[in-house]
Amino acid sequence: MADIGRTPRPAGTGAVIYDISQARARAAAAPAEASAPADSAGFTESAQELARAHEAVKASPGVRAERVKALKQQIESGKYNPDPREVARKILERGL
């Protein structure tokens, strides 16, 4: 508002006239600022990383799915007998 100035009022009138030519000139000189969007949206870096990881998992071969299917069959048939010491060792190695 500093570039809007009050002009002297004409004699015999009660009107006040404001000179806004400087404000208009400044607005016309910076159209990029006026056309910039006020809001923007996007995904965080962690969300983008998670999406990339998800795509990598989907693109990986189904070797793990085959292993799970084989283990399910062993469990259902009663042939799956894991070594408890080996299970405990693996848990400690992985820090679970």
PDB file of N, CA and C in Angstrom:
ATOM      1  N   MET A   1       0.804  -1.183   0.000  1.00  0.00           N
ATOM      2  CA  MET A   1       0.000   0.000   0.000  1.00  0.00           C
ATOM      3  C   MET A   1       0.856   1.259   0.000  1.00  0.00           C
ATOM      4  N   ALA A   2       2.147   1.096   0.129  1.00  0.00           N
ATOM      5  CA  ALA A   2       3.016   2.265   0.164  1.00  0.00           C
ATOM      6  C   ALA A   2       3.061   2.965  -1.183  1.00  0.00           C
ATOM      7  N   ASP A   3       2.745   2.242  -2.260  1.00  0.00           N
ATOM      8  CA  ASP A   3       2.817   2.862  -3.574  1.00  0.00           C
ATOM      9  C   ASP A   3       1.477   3.455  -4.021  1.00  0.00           C
ATOM     10  N   ILE A   4       0.506   3.513  -3.122  1.00  0.00           N
ATOM     11  CA  ILE A   4      -0.768   4.181  -3.396  1.00  0.00           C
ATOM     12  C   ILE A   4      -0.745   5.500  -2.639  1.00  0.00           C
ATOM     13  N   GLY A   5      -0.826   6.573  -3.390  1.00  0.00           N
ATOM     14  CA  GLY A   5      -0.708   7.882  -2.756  1.00  0.00           C
ATOM     15  C   GLY A   5      -1.988   8.693  -2.865  1.00  0.00           C
ATOM     16  N   ARG A   6      -2.210   9.511  -1.888  1.00  0.00           N
ATOM     17  CA  ARG A   6      -3.382  10.389  -1.877  1.00  0.00           C
ATOM     18  C   ARG A   6      -3.025  11.664  -2.634  1.00  0.00           C
ATOM     19  N   THR A   7      -3.878  12.008  -3.573  1.00  0.00           N
ATOM     20  CA  THR A   7      -3.643  13.239  -4.337  1.00  0.00           C
ATOM     21  C   THR A   7      -4.412  14.379  -3.680  1.00  0.00           C
ATOM     22  N   PRO A   8      -3.993  15.589  -3.943  1.00  0.00           N
ATOM     23  CA  PRO A   8      -4.730  16.722  -3.368  1.00  0.00           C
ATOM     24  C   PRO A   8      -6.153  16.754  -3.926  1.00  0.00           C
ATOM     25  N   ARG A   9      -7.099  16.995  -3.096  1.00  0.00           N
ATOM     26  CA  ARG A   9      -8.483  16.994  -3.579  1.00  0.00           C
ATOM     27  C   ARG A   9      -8.776  18.272  -4.349  1.00  0.00           C
ATOM     28  N   PRO A  10      -9.603  18.092  -5.343  1.00  0.00           N
ATOM     29  CA  PRO A  10      -9.969  19.269  -6.142  1.00  0.00           C
ATOM     30  C   PRO A  10     -10.725  20.290  -5.284  1.00  0.00           C
ATOM     31  N   ALA A  11     -10.544  21.542  -5.617  1.00  0.00           N
ATOM     32  CA  ALA A  11     -11.181  22.626  -4.851  1.00  0.00           C
ATOM     33  C   ALA A  11     -12.697  22.553  -4.972  1.00  0.00           C
ATOM     34  N   GLY A  12     -13.357  22.728  -3.864  1.00  0.00           N
ATOM     35  CA  GLY A  12     -14.805  22.786  -3.853  1.00  0.00           C
ATOM     36  C   GLY A  12     -15.483  21.428  -3.795  1.00  0.00           C
ATOM     37  N   THR A  13     -14.725  20.333  -3.690  1.00  0.00           N
ATOM     38  CA  THR A  13     -15.364  19.009  -3.595  1.00  0.00           C
ATOM     39  C   THR A  13     -14.951  18.346  -2.302  1.00  0.00           C
ATOM     40  N   GLY A  14     -15.753  17.423  -1.876  1.00  0.00           N
ATOM     41  CA  GLY A  14     -15.422  16.657  -0.683  1.00  0.00           C
ATOM     42  C   GLY A  14     -14.794  15.324  -1.043  1.00  0.00           C
ATOM     43  N   ALA A  15     -14.462  15.134  -2.306  1.00  0.00           N
ATOM     44  CA  ALA A  15     -13.943  13.849  -2.783  1.00  0.00           C
ATOM     45  C   ALA A  15     -12.459  13.697  -2.477  1.00  0.00           C
ATOM     46  N   VAL A  16     -12.071  12.465  -2.271  1.00  0.00           N
ATOM     47  CA  VAL A  16     -10.664  12.119  -2.088  1.00  0.00           C
ATOM     48  C   VAL A  16     -10.273  11.243  -3.267  1.00  0.00           C
ATOM     49  N   ILE A  17      -9.190  11.563  -3.910  1.00  0.00           N
ATOM     50  CA  ILE A  17      -8.740  10.799  -5.078  1.00  0.00           C
ATOM     51  C   ILE A  17      -7.419  10.119  -4.724  1.00  0.00           C
ATOM     52  N   TYR A  18      -7.345   8.837  -5.029  1.00  0.00           N
ATOM     53  CA  TYR A  18      -6.129   8.072  -4.770  1.00  0.00           C
ATOM     54  C   TYR A  18      -5.437   7.742  -6.080  1.00  0.00           C
ATOM     55  N   ASP A  19      -4.139   7.887  -6.112  1.00  0.00           N
ATOM     56  CA  ASP A  19      -3.339   7.581  -7.293  1.00  0.00           C
ATOM     57  C   ASP A  19      -2.812   6.150  -7.139  1.00  0.00           C
ATOM     58  N   ILE A  20      -3.333   5.233  -7.984  1.00  0.00           N
ATOM     59  CA  ILE A  20      -2.925   3.836  -7.901  1.00  0.00           C
ATOM     60  C   ILE A  20      -2.059   3.421  -9.099  1.00  0.00           C
ATOM     61  N   SER A  21      -1.554   4.393  -9.825  1.00  0.00           N
ATOM     62  CA  SER A  21      -0.771   4.081 -11.021  1.00  0.00           C
ATOM     63  C   SER A  21       0.505   3.314 -10.683  1.00  0.00           C
ATOM     64  N   GLN A  22       1.147   3.655  -9.568  1.00  0.00           N
ATOM     65  CA  GLN A  22       2.371   2.941  -9.187  1.00  0.00           C
ATOM     66  C   GLN A  22       2.051   1.503  -8.800  1.00  0.00           C
ATOM     67  N   ALA A  23       0.950   1.263  -8.116  1.00  0.00           N
ATOM     68  CA  ALA A  23       0.561  -0.101  -7.729  1.00  0.00           C
ATOM     69  C   ALA A  23       0.253  -0.939  -8.964  1.00  0.00           C
ATOM     70  N   ARG A  24      -0.434  -0.338  -9.931  1.00  0.00           N
ATOM     71  CA  ARG A  24      -0.747  -1.060 -11.176  1.00  0.00           C
ATOM     72  C   ARG A  24       0.523  -1.387 -11.951  1.00  0.00           C
ATOM     73  N   ALA A  25       1.451  -0.445 -12.002  1.00  0.00           N
ATOM     74  CA  ALA A  25       2.705  -0.670 -12.718  1.00  0.00           C
ATOM     75  C   ALA A  25       3.500  -1.802 -12.073  1.00  0.00           C
ATOM     76  N   ARG A  26       3.523  -1.849 -10.758  1.00  0.00           N
ATOM     77  CA  ARG A  26       4.252  -2.912 -10.058  1.00  0.00           C
ATOM     78  C   ARG A  26       3.587  -4.253 -10.302  1.00  0.00           C
ATOM     79  N   ALA A  27       2.278  -4.320 -10.297  1.00  0.00           N
ATOM     80  CA  ALA A  27       1.555  -5.570 -10.542  1.00  0.00           C
ATOM     81  C   ALA A  27       1.786  -6.067 -11.964  1.00  0.00           C
ATOM     82  N   ALA A  28       1.857  -5.151 -12.922  1.00  0.00           N
ATOM     83  CA  ALA A  28       2.092  -5.529 -14.310  1.00  0.00           C
ATOM     84  C   ALA A  28       3.525  -5.986 -14.524  1.00  0.00           C
ATOM     85  N   ALA A  29       4.459  -5.464 -13.741  1.00  0.00           N
ATOM     86  CA  ALA A  29       5.873  -5.823 -13.885  1.00  0.00           C
ATOM     87  C   ALA A  29       6.185  -7.206 -13.327  1.00  0.00           C
ATOM     88  N   ALA A  30       5.354  -7.737 -12.463  1.00  0.00           N
ATOM     89  CA  ALA A  30       5.615  -9.040 -11.837  1.00  0.00           C
ATOM     90  C   ALA A  30       4.471 -10.010 -12.094  1.00  0.00           C
ATOM     91  N   PRO A  31       4.188 -10.359 -13.367  1.00  0.00           N
ATOM     92  CA  PRO A  31       3.066 -11.267 -13.627  1.00  0.00           C
ATOM     93  C   PRO A  31       3.342 -12.702 -13.169  1.00  0.00           C
ATOM     94  N   ALA A  32       4.604 -13.105 -13.118  1.00  0.00           N
ATOM     95  CA  ALA A  32       4.926 -14.474 -12.700  1.00  0.00           C
ATOM     96  C   ALA A  32       4.536 -14.695 -11.250  1.00  0.00           C
ATOM     97  N   GLU A  33       4.717 -13.692 -10.432  1.00  0.00           N
ATOM     98  CA  GLU A  33       4.370 -13.813  -9.025  1.00  0.00           C
ATOM     99  C   GLU A  33       2.863 -13.953  -8.845  1.00  0.00           C
ATOM    100  N   ALA A  34       2.108 -13.217  -9.644  1.00  0.00           N
ATOM    101  CA  ALA A  34       0.650 -13.257  -9.533  1.00  0.00           C
ATOM    102  C   ALA A  34       0.085 -14.567 -10.069  1.00  0.00           C
ATOM    103  N   SER A  35       0.764 -15.174 -11.060  1.00  0.00           N
ATOM    104  CA  SER A  35       0.233 -16.399 -11.653  1.00  0.00           C
ATOM    105  C   SER A  35       0.697 -17.660 -10.936  1.00  0.00           C
ATOM    106  N   ALA A  36       1.578 -17.532  -9.969  1.00  0.00           N
ATOM    107  CA  ALA A  36       2.050 -18.708  -9.236  1.00  0.00           C
ATOM    108  C   ALA A  36       0.921 -19.276  -8.390  1.00  0.00           C
ATOM    109  N   PRO A  37       0.800 -20.599  -8.347  1.00  0.00           N
ATOM    110  CA  PRO A  37      -0.280 -21.183  -7.539  1.00  0.00           C
ATOM    111  C   PRO A  37      -0.070 -20.919  -6.050  1.00  0.00           C
ATOM    112  N   ALA A  38      -1.142 -20.688  -5.365  1.00  0.00           N
ATOM    113  CA  ALA A  38      -1.068 -20.410  -3.936  1.00  0.00           C
ATOM    114  C   ALA A  38      -0.777 -21.673  -3.136  1.00  0.00           C
ATOM    115  N   ASP A  39      -1.306 -22.799  -3.585  1.00  0.00           N
ATOM    116  CA  ASP A  39      -1.121 -24.056  -2.886  1.00  0.00           C
ATOM    117  C   ASP A  39      -0.468 -25.068  -3.820  1.00  0.00           C
ATOM    118  N   SER A  40       0.199 -26.035  -3.231  1.00  0.00           N
ATOM    119  CA  SER A  40       0.765 -27.114  -4.028  1.00  0.00           C
ATOM    120  C   SER A  40       0.667 -28.396  -3.220  1.00  0.00           C
ATOM    121  N   ALA A  41       0.692 -29.493  -3.924  1.00  0.00           N
ATOM    122  CA  ALA A  41       0.607 -30.788  -3.263  1.00  0.00           C
ATOM    123  C   ALA A  41       1.685 -31.686  -3.824  1.00  0.00           C
ATOM    124  N   GLY A  42       2.096 -32.659  -3.041  1.00  0.00           N
ATOM    125  CA  GLY A  42       3.130 -33.579  -3.495  1.00  0.00           C
ATOM    126  C   GLY A  42       3.291 -34.706  -2.490  1.00  0.00           C
ATOM    127  N   PHE A  43       4.224 -35.570  -2.799  1.00  0.00           N
ATOM    128  CA  PHE A  43       4.503 -36.692  -1.921  1.00  0.00           C
ATOM    129  C   PHE A  43       5.834 -36.458  -1.222  1.00  0.00           C
ATOM    130  N   THR A  44       5.918 -36.860   0.022  1.00  0.00           N
ATOM    131  CA  THR A  44       7.155 -36.714   0.760  1.00  0.00           C
ATOM    132  C   THR A  44       8.198 -37.669   0.194  1.00  0.00           C
ATOM    133  N   GLU A  45       9.436 -37.405   0.518  1.00  0.00           N
ATOM    134  CA  GLU A  45      10.533 -38.261   0.038  1.00  0.00           C
ATOM    135  C   GLU A  45      10.364 -39.688   0.564  1.00  0.00           C
ATOM    136  N   SER A  46       9.923 -39.830   1.818  1.00  0.00           N
ATOM    137  CA  SER A  46       9.746 -41.176   2.373  1.00  0.00           C
ATOM    138  C   SER A  46       8.611 -41.922   1.670  1.00  0.00           C
ATOM    139  N   ALA A  47       7.561 -41.217   1.281  1.00  0.00           N
ATOM    140  CA  ALA A  47       6.471 -41.863   0.545  1.00  0.00           C
ATOM    141  C   ALA A  47       6.935 -42.293  -0.838  1.00  0.00           C
ATOM    142  N   GLN A  48       7.760 -41.473  -1.478  1.00  0.00           N
ATOM    143  CA  GLN A  48       8.300 -41.836  -2.786  1.00  0.00           C
ATOM    144  C   GLN A  48       9.222 -43.045  -2.677  1.00  0.00           C
ATOM    145  N   GLU A  49      10.028 -43.082  -1.619  1.00  0.00           N
ATOM    146  CA  GLU A  49      10.929 -44.215  -1.402  1.00  0.00           C
ATOM    147  C   GLU A  49      10.135 -45.499  -1.151  1.00  0.00           C
ATOM    148  N   LEU A  50       9.071 -45.389  -0.381  1.00  0.00           N
ATOM    149  CA  LEU A  50       8.219 -46.545  -0.113  1.00  0.00           C
ATOM    150  C   LEU A  50       7.574 -47.047  -1.397  1.00  0.00           C
ATOM    151  N   ALA A  51       7.148 -46.150  -2.259  1.00  0.00           N
ATOM    152  CA  ALA A  51       6.555 -46.543  -3.541  1.00  0.00           C
ATOM    153  C   ALA A  51       7.585 -47.249  -4.421  1.00  0.00           C
ATOM    154  N   ARG A  52       8.822 -46.745  -4.411  1.00  0.00           N
ATOM    155  CA  ARG A  52       9.885 -47.405  -5.196  1.00  0.00           C
ATOM    156  C   ARG A  52      10.165 -48.799  -4.653  1.00  0.00           C
ATOM    157  N   ALA A  53      10.184 -48.944  -3.338  1.00  0.00           N
ATOM    158  CA  ALA A  53      10.425 -50.260  -2.730  1.00  0.00           C
ATOM    159  C   ALA A  53       9.291 -51.217  -3.071  1.00  0.00           C
ATOM    160  N   HIS A  54       8.068 -50.721  -3.046  1.00  0.00           N
ATOM    161  CA  HIS A  54       6.914 -51.554  -3.378  1.00  0.00           C
ATOM    162  C   HIS A  54       6.999 -52.038  -4.818  1.00  0.00           C
ATOM    163  N   GLU A  55       7.393 -51.156  -5.725  1.00  0.00           N
ATOM    164  CA  GLU A  55       7.547 -51.538  -7.134  1.00  0.00           C
ATOM    165  C   GLU A  55       8.648 -52.567  -7.303  1.00  0.00           C
ATOM    166  N   ALA A  56       9.737 -52.432  -6.545  1.00  0.00           N
ATOM    167  CA  ALA A  56      10.839 -53.395  -6.631  1.00  0.00           C
ATOM    168  C   ALA A  56      10.395 -54.777  -6.157  1.00  0.00           C
ATOM    169  N   VAL A  57       9.597 -54.802  -5.110  1.00  0.00           N
ATOM    170  CA  VAL A  57       9.100 -56.084  -4.603  1.00  0.00           C
ATOM    171  C   VAL A  57       8.171 -56.730  -5.623  1.00  0.00           C
ATOM    172  N   LYS A  58       7.305 -55.912  -6.227  1.00  0.00           N
ATOM    173  CA  LYS A  58       6.383 -56.457  -7.229  1.00  0.00           C
ATOM    174  C   LYS A  58       7.131 -56.973  -8.457  1.00  0.00           C
ATOM    175  N   ALA A  59       8.266 -56.348  -8.786  1.00  0.00           N
ATOM    176  CA  ALA A  59       9.020 -56.745  -9.975  1.00  0.00           C
ATOM    177  C   ALA A  59       9.951 -57.925  -9.717  1.00  0.00           C
ATOM    178  N   SER A  60      10.182 -58.268  -8.455  1.00  0.00           N
ATOM    179  CA  SER A  60      11.107 -59.359  -8.139  1.00  0.00           C
ATOM    180  C   SER A  60      10.481 -60.703  -8.498  1.00  0.00           C
ATOM    181  N   PRO A  61      11.321 -61.697  -8.778  1.00  0.00           N
ATOM    182  CA  PRO A  61      10.795 -63.009  -9.137  1.00  0.00           C
ATOM    183  C   PRO A  61      10.023 -63.649  -7.984  1.00  0.00           C
ATOM    184  N   GLY A  62       9.164 -64.585  -8.315  1.00  0.00           N
ATOM    185  CA  GLY A  62       8.300 -65.211  -7.318  1.00  0.00           C
ATOM    186  C   GLY A  62       8.946 -66.359  -6.566  1.00  0.00           C
ATOM    187  N   VAL A  63      10.264 -66.324  -6.381  1.00  0.00           N
ATOM    188  CA  VAL A  63      10.963 -67.399  -5.674  1.00  0.00           C
ATOM    189  C   VAL A  63      10.450 -67.512  -4.251  1.00  0.00           C
ATOM    190  N   ARG A  64      10.250 -66.398  -3.605  1.00  0.00           N
ATOM    191  CA  ARG A  64       9.777 -66.405  -2.219  1.00  0.00           C
ATOM    192  C   ARG A  64       8.376 -67.004  -2.127  1.00  0.00           C
ATOM    193  N   ALA A  65       7.511 -66.692  -3.098  1.00  0.00           N
ATOM    194  CA  ALA A  65       6.153 -67.240  -3.098  1.00  0.00           C
ATOM    195  C   ALA A  65       6.187 -68.756  -3.254  1.00  0.00           C
ATOM    196  N   GLU A  66       7.103 -69.239  -4.066  1.00  0.00           N
ATOM    197  CA  GLU A  66       7.226 -70.691  -4.234  1.00  0.00           C
ATOM    198  C   GLU A  66       7.692 -71.348  -2.946  1.00  0.00           C
ATOM    199  N   ARG A  67       8.620 -70.710  -2.239  1.00  0.00           N
ATOM    200  CA  ARG A  67       9.123 -71.241  -0.962  1.00  0.00           C
ATOM    201  C   ARG A  67       8.001 -71.278   0.077  1.00  0.00           C
ATOM    202  N   VAL A  68       7.195 -70.227   0.135  1.00  0.00           N
ATOM    203  CA  VAL A  68       6.075 -70.184   1.079  1.00  0.00           C
ATOM    204  C   VAL A  68       5.071 -71.281   0.757  1.00  0.00           C
ATOM    205  N   LYS A  69       4.801 -71.485  -0.507  1.00  0.00           N
ATOM    206  CA  LYS A  69       3.860 -72.532  -0.919  1.00  0.00           C
ATOM    207  C   LYS A  69       4.379 -73.918  -0.512  1.00  0.00           C
ATOM    208  N   ALA A  70       5.667 -74.161  -0.707  1.00  0.00           N
ATOM    209  CA  ALA A  70       6.259 -75.450  -0.329  1.00  0.00           C
ATOM    210  C   ALA A  70       6.185 -75.665   1.176  1.00  0.00           C
ATOM    211  N   LEU A  71       6.471 -74.605   1.953  1.00  0.00           N
ATOM    212  CA  LEU A  71       6.402 -74.722   3.420  1.00  0.00           C
ATOM    213  C   LEU A  71       4.967 -74.962   3.882  1.00  0.00           C
ATOM    214  N   LYS A  72       4.001 -74.311   3.245  1.00  0.00           N
ATOM    215  CA  LYS A  72       2.597 -74.539   3.598  1.00  0.00           C
ATOM    216  C   LYS A  72       2.210 -76.000   3.390  1.00  0.00           C
ATOM    217  N   GLN A  73       2.655 -76.552   2.288  1.00  0.00           N
ATOM    218  CA  GLN A  73       2.341 -77.959   1.997  1.00  0.00           C
ATOM    219  C   GLN A  73       2.970 -78.873   3.041  1.00  0.00           C
ATOM    220  N   GLN A  74       4.218 -78.580   3.436  1.00  0.00           N
ATOM    221  CA  GLN A  74       4.877 -79.394   4.461  1.00  0.00           C
ATOM    222  C   GLN A  74       4.141 -79.294   5.795  1.00  0.00           C
ATOM    223  N   ILE A  75       3.707 -78.097   6.159  1.00  0.00           N
ATOM    224  CA  ILE A  75       2.988 -77.909   7.426  1.00  0.00           C
ATOM    225  C   ILE A  75       1.664 -78.667   7.400  1.00  0.00           C
ATOM    226  N   GLU A  76       0.930 -78.532   6.295  1.00  0.00           N
ATOM    227  CA  GLU A  76      -0.372 -79.198   6.182  1.00  0.00           C
ATOM    228  C   GLU A  76      -0.243 -80.716   6.200  1.00  0.00           C
ATOM    229  N   SER A  77       0.833 -81.243   5.637  1.00  0.00           N
ATOM    230  CA  SER A  77       1.008 -82.694   5.600  1.00  0.00           C
ATOM    231  C   SER A  77       1.671 -83.227   6.865  1.00  0.00           C
ATOM    232  N   GLY A  78       2.126 -82.308   7.756  1.00  0.00           N
ATOM    233  CA  GLY A  78       2.754 -82.731   9.001  1.00  0.00           C
ATOM    234  C   GLY A  78       4.219 -83.079   8.835  1.00  0.00           C
ATOM    235  N   LYS A  79       4.816 -82.754   7.715  1.00  0.00           N
ATOM    236  CA  LYS A  79       6.220 -83.087   7.457  1.00  0.00           C
ATOM    237  C   LYS A  79       7.174 -81.952   7.819  1.00  0.00           C
ATOM    238  N   TYR A  80       6.647 -80.829   8.256  1.00  0.00           N
ATOM    239  CA  TYR A  80       7.502 -79.702   8.606  1.00  0.00           C
ATOM    240  C   TYR A  80       7.896 -79.808  10.065  1.00  0.00           C
ATOM    241  N   ASN A  81       9.179 -80.059  10.326  1.00  0.00           N
ATOM    242  CA  ASN A  81       9.717 -80.196  11.676  1.00  0.00           C
ATOM    243  C   ASN A  81      10.982 -79.346  11.794  1.00  0.00           C
ATOM    244  N   PRO A  82      10.835 -78.064  12.062  1.00  0.00           N
ATOM    245  CA  PRO A  82      12.024 -77.214  12.168  1.00  0.00           C
ATOM    246  C   PRO A  82      12.819 -77.518  13.423  1.00  0.00           C
ATOM    247  N   ASP A  83      14.124 -77.315  13.348  1.00  0.00           N
ATOM    248  CA  ASP A  83      15.003 -77.501  14.498  1.00  0.00           C
ATOM    249  C   ASP A  83      14.866 -76.275  15.403  1.00  0.00           C
ATOM    250  N   PRO A  84      14.383 -76.440  16.640  1.00  0.00           N
ATOM    251  CA  PRO A  84      14.164 -75.291  17.530  1.00  0.00           C
ATOM    252  C   PRO A  84      15.440 -74.490  17.794  1.00  0.00           C
ATOM    253  N   ARG A  85      16.584 -75.176  17.861  1.00  0.00           N
ATOM    254  CA  ARG A  85      17.855 -74.466  18.097  1.00  0.00           C
ATOM    255  C   ARG A  85      18.207 -73.584  16.894  1.00  0.00           C
ATOM    256  N   GLU A  86      17.956 -74.107  15.695  1.00  0.00           N
ATOM    257  CA  GLU A  86      18.230 -73.328  14.482  1.00  0.00           C
ATOM    258  C   GLU A  86      17.304 -72.106  14.405  1.00  0.00           C
ATOM    259  N   VAL A  87      16.049 -72.302  14.763  1.00  0.00           N
ATOM    260  CA  VAL A  87      15.094 -71.192  14.767  1.00  0.00           C
ATOM    261  C   VAL A  87      15.544 -70.121  15.760  1.00  0.00           C
ATOM    262  N   ALA A  88      15.934 -70.530  16.966  1.00  0.00           N
ATOM    263  CA  ALA A  88      16.396 -69.592  17.988  1.00  0.00           C
ATOM    264  C   ALA A  88      17.662 -68.866  17.533  1.00  0.00           C
ATOM    265  N   ARG A  89      18.569 -69.587  16.894  1.00  0.00           N
ATOM    266  CA  ARG A  89      19.809 -68.960  16.409  1.00  0.00           C
ATOM    267  C   ARG A  89      19.509 -67.893  15.357  1.00  0.00           C
ATOM    268  N   LYS A  90      18.618 -68.204  14.439  1.00  0.00           N
ATOM    269  CA  LYS A  90      18.267 -67.244  13.391  1.00  0.00           C
ATOM    270  C   LYS A  90      17.576 -66.008  13.967  1.00  0.00           C
ATOM    271  N   ILE A  91      16.725 -66.217  14.979  1.00  0.00           N
ATOM    272  CA  ILE A  91      16.070 -65.080  15.630  1.00  0.00           C
ATOM    273  C   ILE A  91      17.102 -64.164  16.277  1.00  0.00           C
ATOM    274  N   LEU A  92      18.073 -64.745  16.933  1.00  0.00           N
ATOM    275  CA  LEU A  92      19.113 -63.931  17.583  1.00  0.00           C
ATOM    276  C   LEU A  92      19.998 -63.242  16.556  1.00  0.00           C
ATOM    277  N   GLU A  93      20.308 -63.909  15.451  1.00  0.00           N
ATOM    278  CA  GLU A  93      21.126 -63.307  14.400  1.00  0.00           C
ATOM    279  C   GLU A  93      20.430 -62.080  13.789  1.00  0.00           C
ATOM    280  N   ARG A  94      19.153 -62.184  13.564  1.00  0.00           N
ATOM    281  CA  ARG A  94      18.420 -61.102  12.919  1.00  0.00           C
ATOM    282  C   ARG A  94      17.949 -60.037  13.899  1.00  0.00           C
ATOM    283  N   GLY A  95      18.069 -60.301  15.184  1.00  0.00           N
ATOM    284  CA  GLY A  95      17.685 -59.312  16.180  1.00  0.00           C
ATOM    285  C   GLY A  95      16.190 -59.126  16.317  1.00  0.00           C
ATOM    286  N   LEU A  96      15.442 -60.176  16.065  1.00  0.00           N
ATOM    287  CA  LEU A  96      13.980 -60.071  16.174  1.00  0.00           C
ATOM    288  C   LEU A  96      13.518 -60.231  17.581  1.00  0.00           C
TER     289      LEU A  96
END
